[in-house]
């Protein structure tokens, strides 16, 4: 069964998953030490929001290169978040395996969607 093309960025499964990741990051970072408020907490939240925001912004771009550029930025932000997951685990700020699973799924979706976009004939 073929799915209907997305009409808005909210229809994209990768955006939905990335939005869930953002919500989970906010929940996870609430328990970070207060001294991290302007450090790791802020950086981690900003990077997670950047994933979903760049997917959303790139969705309406007309050109293939523009779409791919925003997806590339989202992918870079996802890699940044991956590092923050490693760091927060090493600092014993709590279990984040669930977040890593969601992030891995999102990055695979971004890669796949980017490939599809770049190989399409818009």
N, C-alpha and C. Protein backbone atom coordinates (compact mmCIF):
# COMPACT_ATOMS: atom_id res chain seq x y z
N UNK A 1 0.85 -1.18 0.00
CA UNK A 1 0.00 0.00 0.00
C UNK A 1 0.89 1.24 0.00
N UNK A 2 0.70 2.10 -0.97
CA UNK A 2 1.50 3.31 -1.11
C UNK A 2 0.90 4.43 -0.27
N UNK A 3 1.79 5.16 0.42
CA UNK A 3 1.34 6.28 1.24
C UNK A 3 1.14 7.51 0.39
N UNK A 4 0.23 8.35 0.86
CA UNK A 4 -0.02 9.64 0.20
C UNK A 4 1.17 10.56 0.46
N UNK A 5 1.56 11.37 -0.51
CA UNK A 5 2.67 12.30 -0.28
C UNK A 5 2.34 13.27 0.86
N UNK A 6 3.36 13.65 1.59
CA UNK A 6 3.20 14.58 2.71
C UNK A 6 2.76 15.95 2.18
N UNK A 7 1.78 16.52 2.85
CA UNK A 7 1.29 17.85 2.49
C UNK A 7 1.97 18.93 3.34
N UNK A 8 2.32 18.57 4.56
CA UNK A 8 3.02 19.49 5.45
C UNK A 8 4.17 18.72 6.11
N UNK A 9 5.09 19.44 6.70
CA UNK A 9 6.21 18.78 7.37
C UNK A 9 5.72 17.88 8.49
N UNK A 10 4.57 18.22 9.07
CA UNK A 10 4.01 17.41 10.16
C UNK A 10 3.59 16.02 9.70
N UNK A 11 3.40 15.84 8.41
CA UNK A 11 3.05 14.53 7.85
C UNK A 11 4.26 13.61 7.73
N UNK A 12 5.46 14.18 7.79
CA UNK A 12 6.68 13.39 7.63
C UNK A 12 6.96 12.59 8.90
N UNK A 13 7.11 11.29 8.76
CA UNK A 13 7.40 10.43 9.91
C UNK A 13 8.72 10.84 10.56
N UNK A 14 9.71 11.22 9.74
CA UNK A 14 10.99 11.62 10.33
C UNK A 14 10.85 12.90 11.16
N UNK A 15 9.96 13.81 10.77
CA UNK A 15 9.72 14.99 11.59
C UNK A 15 9.01 14.59 12.87
N UNK A 16 8.00 13.72 12.76
CA UNK A 16 7.26 13.26 13.95
C UNK A 16 8.20 12.62 14.96
N UNK A 17 9.10 11.77 14.47
CA UNK A 17 10.07 11.10 15.35
C UNK A 17 11.06 12.12 15.93
N UNK A 18 11.49 13.07 15.11
CA UNK A 18 12.44 14.06 15.63
C UNK A 18 11.77 14.95 16.66
N UNK A 19 10.49 15.24 16.48
CA UNK A 19 9.76 16.04 17.47
C UNK A 19 9.64 15.26 18.79
N UNK A 20 9.38 13.97 18.69
CA UNK A 20 9.33 13.14 19.89
C UNK A 20 10.69 13.13 20.59
N UNK A 21 11.75 13.11 19.79
CA UNK A 21 13.10 13.17 20.35
C UNK A 21 13.30 14.47 21.14
N UNK A 22 12.87 15.59 20.57
CA UNK A 22 12.98 16.88 21.26
C UNK A 22 12.25 16.84 22.60
N UNK A 23 11.03 16.35 22.58
CA UNK A 23 10.24 16.29 23.82
C UNK A 23 10.94 15.43 24.86
N UNK A 24 11.52 14.32 24.43
CA UNK A 24 12.23 13.42 25.34
C UNK A 24 13.53 14.05 25.85
N UNK A 25 14.21 14.81 25.00
CA UNK A 25 15.43 15.50 25.44
C UNK A 25 15.09 16.52 26.52
N UNK A 26 14.01 17.26 26.33
CA UNK A 26 13.61 18.24 27.34
C UNK A 26 13.32 17.53 28.67
N UNK A 27 12.61 16.42 28.59
CA UNK A 27 12.28 15.66 29.79
C UNK A 27 13.56 15.12 30.46
N UNK A 28 14.45 14.56 29.67
CA UNK A 28 15.70 13.98 30.17
C UNK A 28 16.59 15.03 30.82
N UNK A 29 16.71 16.20 30.20
CA UNK A 29 17.63 17.23 30.70
C UNK A 29 17.08 17.97 31.92
N UNK A 30 15.81 17.79 32.24
CA UNK A 30 15.25 18.42 33.45
C UNK A 30 15.97 17.95 34.71
N UNK A 31 16.50 16.73 34.65
CA UNK A 31 17.16 16.18 35.84
C UNK A 31 18.66 16.49 35.89
N UNK A 32 19.17 17.21 34.90
CA UNK A 32 20.59 17.57 34.90
C UNK A 32 20.86 18.55 36.06
N UNK A 33 22.10 18.57 36.55
CA UNK A 33 22.43 19.52 37.62
C UNK A 33 22.19 20.97 37.18
N UNK A 34 21.82 21.81 38.12
CA UNK A 34 21.50 23.21 37.79
C UNK A 34 22.69 23.94 37.16
N UNK A 35 23.91 23.52 37.49
CA UNK A 35 25.08 24.20 36.89
C UNK A 35 25.18 23.94 35.39
N UNK A 36 24.42 22.98 34.88
CA UNK A 36 24.41 22.68 33.45
C UNK A 36 23.38 23.49 32.67
N UNK A 37 22.59 24.31 33.37
CA UNK A 37 21.49 25.05 32.72
C UNK A 37 21.97 25.82 31.49
N UNK A 38 23.11 26.49 31.60
CA UNK A 38 23.60 27.30 30.47
C UNK A 38 24.72 26.58 29.71
N UNK A 39 24.94 25.34 30.07
CA UNK A 39 25.96 24.52 29.41
C UNK A 39 25.30 23.40 28.62
N UNK A 40 25.49 22.20 29.11
CA UNK A 40 25.03 21.01 28.40
C UNK A 40 23.52 21.01 28.18
N UNK A 41 22.75 21.39 29.17
CA UNK A 41 21.28 21.39 29.02
C UNK A 41 20.85 22.26 27.85
N UNK A 42 21.35 23.48 27.83
CA UNK A 42 21.01 24.43 26.78
C UNK A 42 21.47 23.95 25.41
N UNK A 43 22.71 23.50 25.32
CA UNK A 43 23.26 23.03 24.05
C UNK A 43 22.51 21.82 23.51
N UNK A 44 22.23 20.88 24.38
CA UNK A 44 21.53 19.65 23.99
C UNK A 44 20.13 19.97 23.48
N UNK A 45 19.43 20.81 24.20
CA UNK A 45 18.07 21.19 23.78
C UNK A 45 18.09 21.92 22.45
N UNK A 46 19.03 22.87 22.31
CA UNK A 46 19.13 23.64 21.07
C UNK A 46 19.40 22.73 19.88
N UNK A 47 20.32 21.80 20.04
CA UNK A 47 20.66 20.89 18.94
C UNK A 47 19.50 19.97 18.60
N UNK A 48 18.76 19.50 19.61
CA UNK A 48 17.63 18.62 19.32
C UNK A 48 16.53 19.36 18.57
N UNK A 49 16.27 20.60 18.97
CA UNK A 49 15.27 21.43 18.28
C UNK A 49 15.70 21.68 16.84
N UNK A 50 16.99 21.85 16.63
CA UNK A 50 17.52 22.12 15.30
C UNK A 50 17.22 20.98 14.32
N UNK A 51 17.20 19.76 14.81
CA UNK A 51 16.89 18.63 13.92
C UNK A 51 15.49 18.80 13.34
N UNK A 52 14.50 18.90 14.22
CA UNK A 52 13.10 19.02 13.77
C UNK A 52 12.86 20.31 13.00
N UNK A 53 13.47 21.40 13.45
CA UNK A 53 13.26 22.70 12.80
C UNK A 53 13.81 22.71 11.37
N UNK A 54 14.96 22.10 11.16
CA UNK A 54 15.54 22.08 9.81
C UNK A 54 14.80 21.13 8.88
N UNK A 55 14.26 20.06 9.42
CA UNK A 55 13.40 19.19 8.60
C UNK A 55 12.17 19.99 8.16
N UNK A 56 11.58 20.71 9.09
CA UNK A 56 10.39 21.52 8.79
C UNK A 56 10.72 22.61 7.77
N UNK A 57 11.82 23.32 7.99
CA UNK A 57 12.17 24.43 7.09
C UNK A 57 12.49 23.92 5.69
N UNK A 58 13.19 22.82 5.60
CA UNK A 58 13.57 22.27 4.31
C UNK A 58 12.40 21.70 3.52
N UNK A 59 11.34 21.34 4.22
CA UNK A 59 10.20 20.70 3.56
C UNK A 59 9.60 21.55 2.44
N UNK A 60 9.47 22.83 2.66
CA UNK A 60 8.83 23.71 1.67
C UNK A 60 9.79 24.33 0.67
N UNK A 61 11.07 24.05 0.82
CA UNK A 61 12.03 24.59 -0.14
C UNK A 61 11.79 23.93 -1.49
N UNK A 62 11.93 24.72 -2.54
CA UNK A 62 11.60 24.25 -3.89
C UNK A 62 12.71 23.44 -4.55
N UNK A 63 13.92 23.87 -4.41
CA UNK A 63 15.03 23.20 -5.10
C UNK A 63 15.58 22.02 -4.33
N UNK A 64 16.08 21.04 -5.08
CA UNK A 64 16.67 19.84 -4.50
C UNK A 64 17.85 20.21 -3.60
N UNK A 65 18.70 21.12 -4.07
CA UNK A 65 19.88 21.50 -3.29
C UNK A 65 19.49 22.18 -1.99
N UNK A 66 18.47 23.03 -2.03
CA UNK A 66 17.99 23.69 -0.81
C UNK A 66 17.44 22.67 0.18
N UNK A 67 16.60 21.76 -0.31
CA UNK A 67 16.05 20.71 0.56
C UNK A 67 17.17 19.89 1.19
N UNK A 68 18.13 19.49 0.36
CA UNK A 68 19.24 18.67 0.84
C UNK A 68 20.09 19.41 1.86
N UNK A 69 20.26 20.72 1.66
CA UNK A 69 21.07 21.52 2.59
C UNK A 69 20.44 21.52 3.99
N UNK A 70 19.13 21.71 4.07
CA UNK A 70 18.46 21.71 5.37
C UNK A 70 18.49 20.33 6.01
N UNK A 71 18.37 19.30 5.21
CA UNK A 71 18.46 17.94 5.75
C UNK A 71 19.88 17.66 6.26
N UNK A 72 20.86 18.20 5.56
CA UNK A 72 22.25 18.05 6.00
C UNK A 72 22.49 18.75 7.34
N UNK A 73 21.90 19.92 7.51
CA UNK A 73 22.00 20.63 8.79
C UNK A 73 21.33 19.81 9.89
N UNK A 74 20.15 19.25 9.60
CA UNK A 74 19.44 18.41 10.57
C UNK A 74 20.30 17.21 10.96
N UNK A 75 20.97 16.62 9.95
CA UNK A 75 21.82 15.46 10.21
C UNK A 75 23.01 15.86 11.09
N UNK A 76 23.60 17.01 10.83
CA UNK A 76 24.69 17.50 11.66
C UNK A 76 24.25 17.72 13.10
N UNK A 77 23.07 18.27 13.28
CA UNK A 77 22.53 18.49 14.63
C UNK A 77 22.27 17.15 15.32
N UNK A 78 21.86 16.16 14.56
CA UNK A 78 21.64 14.83 15.13
C UNK A 78 22.96 14.24 15.63
N UNK A 79 24.02 14.44 14.87
CA UNK A 79 25.34 13.95 15.29
C UNK A 79 25.80 14.69 16.55
N UNK A 80 25.51 15.97 16.62
CA UNK A 80 25.82 16.75 17.81
C UNK A 80 25.09 16.17 19.02
N UNK A 81 23.82 15.84 18.84
CA UNK A 81 23.03 15.25 19.92
C UNK A 81 23.60 13.89 20.34
N UNK A 82 24.09 13.15 19.37
CA UNK A 82 24.69 11.85 19.69
C UNK A 82 25.86 12.05 20.65
N UNK A 83 26.68 13.06 20.39
CA UNK A 83 27.78 13.35 21.31
C UNK A 83 27.26 13.73 22.70
N UNK A 84 26.20 14.55 22.75
CA UNK A 84 25.65 14.96 24.05
C UNK A 84 25.11 13.76 24.81
N UNK A 85 24.59 12.76 24.09
CA UNK A 85 24.14 11.54 24.75
C UNK A 85 25.33 10.78 25.36
N UNK A 86 26.41 10.72 24.61
CA UNK A 86 27.62 10.06 25.12
C UNK A 86 28.14 10.80 26.35
N UNK A 87 28.23 12.13 26.24
CA UNK A 87 28.74 12.94 27.34
C UNK A 87 27.87 12.82 28.58
N UNK A 88 26.55 12.96 28.42
CA UNK A 88 25.67 12.91 29.59
C UNK A 88 25.70 11.53 30.24
N UNK A 89 25.88 10.49 29.44
CA UNK A 89 26.01 9.14 30.02
C UNK A 89 27.31 9.04 30.80
N UNK A 90 28.40 9.54 30.22
CA UNK A 90 29.70 9.50 30.89
C UNK A 90 29.73 10.35 32.16
N UNK A 91 28.90 11.38 32.22
CA UNK A 91 28.80 12.22 33.41
C UNK A 91 27.79 11.66 34.43
N UNK A 92 27.24 10.50 34.11
CA UNK A 92 26.26 9.83 34.98
C UNK A 92 25.01 10.68 35.22
N UNK A 93 24.51 11.29 34.16
CA UNK A 93 23.30 12.11 34.26
C UNK A 93 22.03 11.30 33.99
N UNK A 94 22.15 10.00 33.88
CA UNK A 94 20.97 9.15 33.72
C UNK A 94 21.02 8.30 32.47
N UNK A 95 20.15 7.33 32.45
CA UNK A 95 20.06 6.39 31.33
C UNK A 95 19.44 7.10 30.13
N UNK A 96 20.09 6.95 28.97
CA UNK A 96 19.57 7.61 27.77
C UNK A 96 19.49 6.66 26.57
N UNK A 97 19.44 5.36 26.84
CA UNK A 97 19.39 4.38 25.75
C UNK A 97 18.18 4.60 24.84
N UNK A 98 17.04 4.92 25.44
CA UNK A 98 15.83 5.16 24.65
C UNK A 98 16.03 6.34 23.70
N UNK A 99 16.68 7.40 24.20
CA UNK A 99 16.96 8.55 23.35
C UNK A 99 17.89 8.19 22.20
N UNK A 100 18.89 7.37 22.48
CA UNK A 100 19.81 6.95 21.43
C UNK A 100 19.09 6.13 20.36
N UNK A 101 18.16 5.29 20.77
CA UNK A 101 17.37 4.50 19.81
C UNK A 101 16.54 5.41 18.90
N UNK A 102 15.87 6.38 19.48
CA UNK A 102 15.06 7.31 18.69
C UNK A 102 15.96 8.09 17.73
N UNK A 103 17.08 8.58 18.24
CA UNK A 103 18.00 9.38 17.43
C UNK A 103 18.57 8.56 16.27
N UNK A 104 18.91 7.31 16.53
CA UNK A 104 19.42 6.44 15.47
C UNK A 104 18.38 6.26 14.38
N UNK A 105 17.15 6.08 14.78
CA UNK A 105 16.05 5.94 13.81
C UNK A 105 15.88 7.22 12.99
N UNK A 106 15.93 8.36 13.65
CA UNK A 106 15.78 9.66 12.97
C UNK A 106 16.92 9.86 11.97
N UNK A 107 18.16 9.57 12.36
CA UNK A 107 19.28 9.79 11.45
C UNK A 107 19.19 8.88 10.23
N UNK A 108 18.72 7.66 10.41
CA UNK A 108 18.54 6.76 9.26
C UNK A 108 17.48 7.32 8.32
N UNK A 109 16.41 7.86 8.89
CA UNK A 109 15.35 8.45 8.07
C UNK A 109 15.86 9.67 7.31
N UNK A 110 16.65 10.51 7.96
CA UNK A 110 17.19 11.70 7.30
C UNK A 110 18.09 11.27 6.14
N UNK A 111 18.95 10.29 6.38
CA UNK A 111 19.83 9.80 5.32
C UNK A 111 19.03 9.26 4.14
N UNK A 112 18.03 8.47 4.43
CA UNK A 112 17.21 7.87 3.38
C UNK A 112 16.45 8.93 2.59
N UNK A 113 15.85 9.87 3.30
CA UNK A 113 15.09 10.94 2.66
C UNK A 113 16.01 11.82 1.81
N UNK A 114 17.20 12.10 2.33
CA UNK A 114 18.18 12.89 1.58
C UNK A 114 18.56 12.20 0.29
N UNK A 115 18.81 10.90 0.36
CA UNK A 115 19.15 10.13 -0.84
C UNK A 115 18.01 10.18 -1.85
N UNK A 116 16.81 10.01 -1.37
CA UNK A 116 15.64 10.04 -2.26
C UNK A 116 15.53 11.40 -2.93
N UNK A 117 15.69 12.46 -2.15
CA UNK A 117 15.60 13.82 -2.68
C UNK A 117 16.69 14.06 -3.74
N UNK A 118 17.92 13.71 -3.39
CA UNK A 118 19.04 13.96 -4.29
C UNK A 118 18.97 13.14 -5.58
N UNK A 119 18.33 11.97 -5.52
CA UNK A 119 18.22 11.11 -6.69
C UNK A 119 16.92 11.32 -7.46
N UNK A 120 16.08 12.24 -6.99
CA UNK A 120 14.81 12.50 -7.66
C UNK A 120 14.99 13.50 -8.78
N UNK A 121 13.96 13.63 -9.57
CA UNK A 121 13.99 14.58 -10.69
C UNK A 121 12.91 15.63 -10.46
N UNK A 122 13.12 16.47 -9.45
CA UNK A 122 12.16 17.54 -9.13
C UNK A 122 12.08 18.52 -10.27
